[in-house]
Amino acid sequence: MERVRYVVSFLVGLAIIGAGLWAGVRDLLAPWAVVVLVVLGLSVAFPARFRALFKLVRDKIPAPRLGR
């Protein structure tokens, strides 16, 4: 059952990426919206790798300092 979930997630992610790229080629969406759809598709298709990448980027950004 777990394998089916991963396969479905991967296929849905690819569909989102494909829809974003198709809309970008057809000039139906703004370029920023295409980037958002592709990133969303990657996060759905590869959730574990995307979480690891997000954690890596988050750790590189310094936390805001509250107060003085």
C-alpha atoms as a PDB file:
ATOM      1  CA  MET A   1       0.000   0.000   0.000  1.00  0.00           C
ATOM      2  CA  GLU A   2       2.900   2.321   0.795  1.00  0.00           C
ATOM      3  CA  ARG A   3       4.360   1.682  -2.648  1.00  0.00           C
ATOM      4  CA  VAL A   4       1.074   2.641  -4.305  1.00  0.00           C
ATOM      5  CA  ARG A   5       1.051   5.906  -2.387  1.00  0.00           C
ATOM      6  CA  TYR A   6       4.553   6.749  -3.589  1.00  0.00           C
ATOM      7  CA  VAL A   7       3.721   5.902  -7.194  1.00  0.00           C
ATOM      8  CA  VAL A   8       0.526   7.968  -7.132  1.00  0.00           C
ATOM      9  CA  SER A   9       2.354  10.865  -5.489  1.00  0.00           C
ATOM     10  CA  PHE A  10       5.079  10.684  -8.131  1.00  0.00           C
ATOM     11  CA  LEU A  11       2.543  10.643 -10.980  1.00  0.00           C
ATOM     12  CA  VAL A  12       0.569  13.554  -9.512  1.00  0.00           C
ATOM     13  CA  GLY A  13       3.809  15.513  -9.123  1.00  0.00           C
ATOM     14  CA  LEU A  14       4.728  14.850 -12.741  1.00  0.00           C
ATOM     15  CA  ALA A  15       1.253  15.929 -13.833  1.00  0.00           C
ATOM     16  CA  ILE A  16       1.598  19.206 -11.924  1.00  0.00           C
ATOM     17  CA  ILE A  17       5.037  19.831 -13.443  1.00  0.00           C
ATOM     18  CA  GLY A  18       3.734  18.991 -16.905  1.00  0.00           C
ATOM     19  CA  ALA A  19       0.740  21.284 -16.519  1.00  0.00           C
ATOM     20  CA  GLY A  20       2.976  24.132 -15.372  1.00  0.00           C
ATOM     21  CA  LEU A  21       5.402  23.677 -18.251  1.00  0.00           C
ATOM     22  CA  TRP A  22       2.587  23.310 -20.776  1.00  0.00           C
ATOM     23  CA  ALA A  23       0.921  26.493 -19.528  1.00  0.00           C
ATOM     24  CA  GLY A  24       4.266  28.287 -19.642  1.00  0.00           C
ATOM     25  CA  VAL A  25       4.924  27.255 -23.233  1.00  0.00           C
ATOM     26  CA  ARG A  26       1.417  28.331 -24.239  1.00  0.00           C
ATOM     27  CA  ASP A  27       1.828  31.670 -22.411  1.00  0.00           C
ATOM     28  CA  LEU A  28      -1.237  30.964 -20.280  1.00  0.00           C
ATOM     29  CA  LEU A  29       0.525  31.743 -17.003  1.00  0.00           C
ATOM     30  CA  ALA A  30       3.001  34.303 -15.797  1.00  0.00           C
ATOM     31  CA  PRO A  31       6.574  33.012 -15.481  1.00  0.00           C
ATOM     32  CA  TRP A  32       6.454  33.169 -11.675  1.00  0.00           C
ATOM     33  CA  ALA A  33       3.327  30.985 -11.684  1.00  0.00           C
ATOM     34  CA  VAL A  34       5.114  28.394 -13.829  1.00  0.00           C
ATOM     35  CA  VAL A  35       7.979  28.326 -11.316  1.00  0.00           C
ATOM     36  CA  VAL A  36       5.499  27.899  -8.457  1.00  0.00           C
ATOM     37  CA  LEU A  37       3.802  24.976 -10.222  1.00  0.00           C
ATOM     38  CA  VAL A  38       7.110  23.271 -10.995  1.00  0.00           C
ATOM     39  CA  VAL A  39       8.303  23.630  -7.392  1.00  0.00           C
ATOM     40  CA  LEU A  40       4.940  22.346  -6.152  1.00  0.00           C
ATOM     41  CA  GLY A  41       5.177  19.397  -8.507  1.00  0.00           C
ATOM     42  CA  LEU A  42       8.693  18.595  -7.310  1.00  0.00           C
ATOM     43  CA  SER A  43       7.559  18.763  -3.698  1.00  0.00           C
ATOM     44  CA  VAL A  44       4.740  16.311  -4.436  1.00  0.00           C
ATOM     45  CA  ALA A  45       6.818  13.956  -6.612  1.00  0.00           C
ATOM     46  CA  PHE A  46       9.853  13.848  -4.311  1.00  0.00           C
ATOM     47  CA  PRO A  47       8.642  14.745  -0.791  1.00  0.00           C
ATOM     48  CA  ALA A  48      11.615  13.379   1.186  1.00  0.00           C
ATOM     49  CA  ARG A  49      14.248  15.012  -1.004  1.00  0.00           C
ATOM     50  CA  PHE A  50      12.329  18.265  -1.093  1.00  0.00           C
ATOM     51  CA  ARG A  51      12.076  18.320   2.712  1.00  0.00           C
ATOM     52  CA  ALA A  52      15.820  17.718   2.991  1.00  0.00           C
ATOM     53  CA  LEU A  53      16.526  20.527   0.528  1.00  0.00           C
ATOM     54  CA  PHE A  54      14.138  22.864   2.345  1.00  0.00           C
ATOM     55  CA  LYS A  55      15.832  22.079   5.667  1.00  0.00           C
ATOM     56  CA  LEU A  56      19.245  22.758   4.117  1.00  0.00           C
ATOM     57  CA  VAL A  57      18.121  26.136   2.763  1.00  0.00           C
ATOM     58  CA  ARG A  58      16.339  27.006   6.006  1.00  0.00           C
ATOM     59  CA  ASP A  59      19.469  26.311   8.034  1.00  0.00           C
ATOM     60  CA  LYS A  60      21.507  28.653   5.810  1.00  0.00           C
ATOM     61  CA  ILE A  61      19.145  31.612   6.347  1.00  0.00           C
ATOM     62  CA  PRO A  62      19.834  33.367   9.642  1.00  0.00           C
ATOM     63  CA  ALA A  63      16.900  33.653  12.022  1.00  0.00           C
ATOM     64  CA  PRO A  64      15.578  37.172  12.608  1.00  0.00           C
ATOM     65  CA  ARG A  65      16.619  38.702  15.892  1.00  0.00           C
ATOM     66  CA  LEU A  66      13.848  40.012  18.046  1.00  0.00           C
ATOM     67  CA  GLY A  67      14.566  43.109  20.077  1.00  0.00           C
ATOM     68  CA  ARG A  68      18.008  44.656  20.279  1.00  0.00           C
END
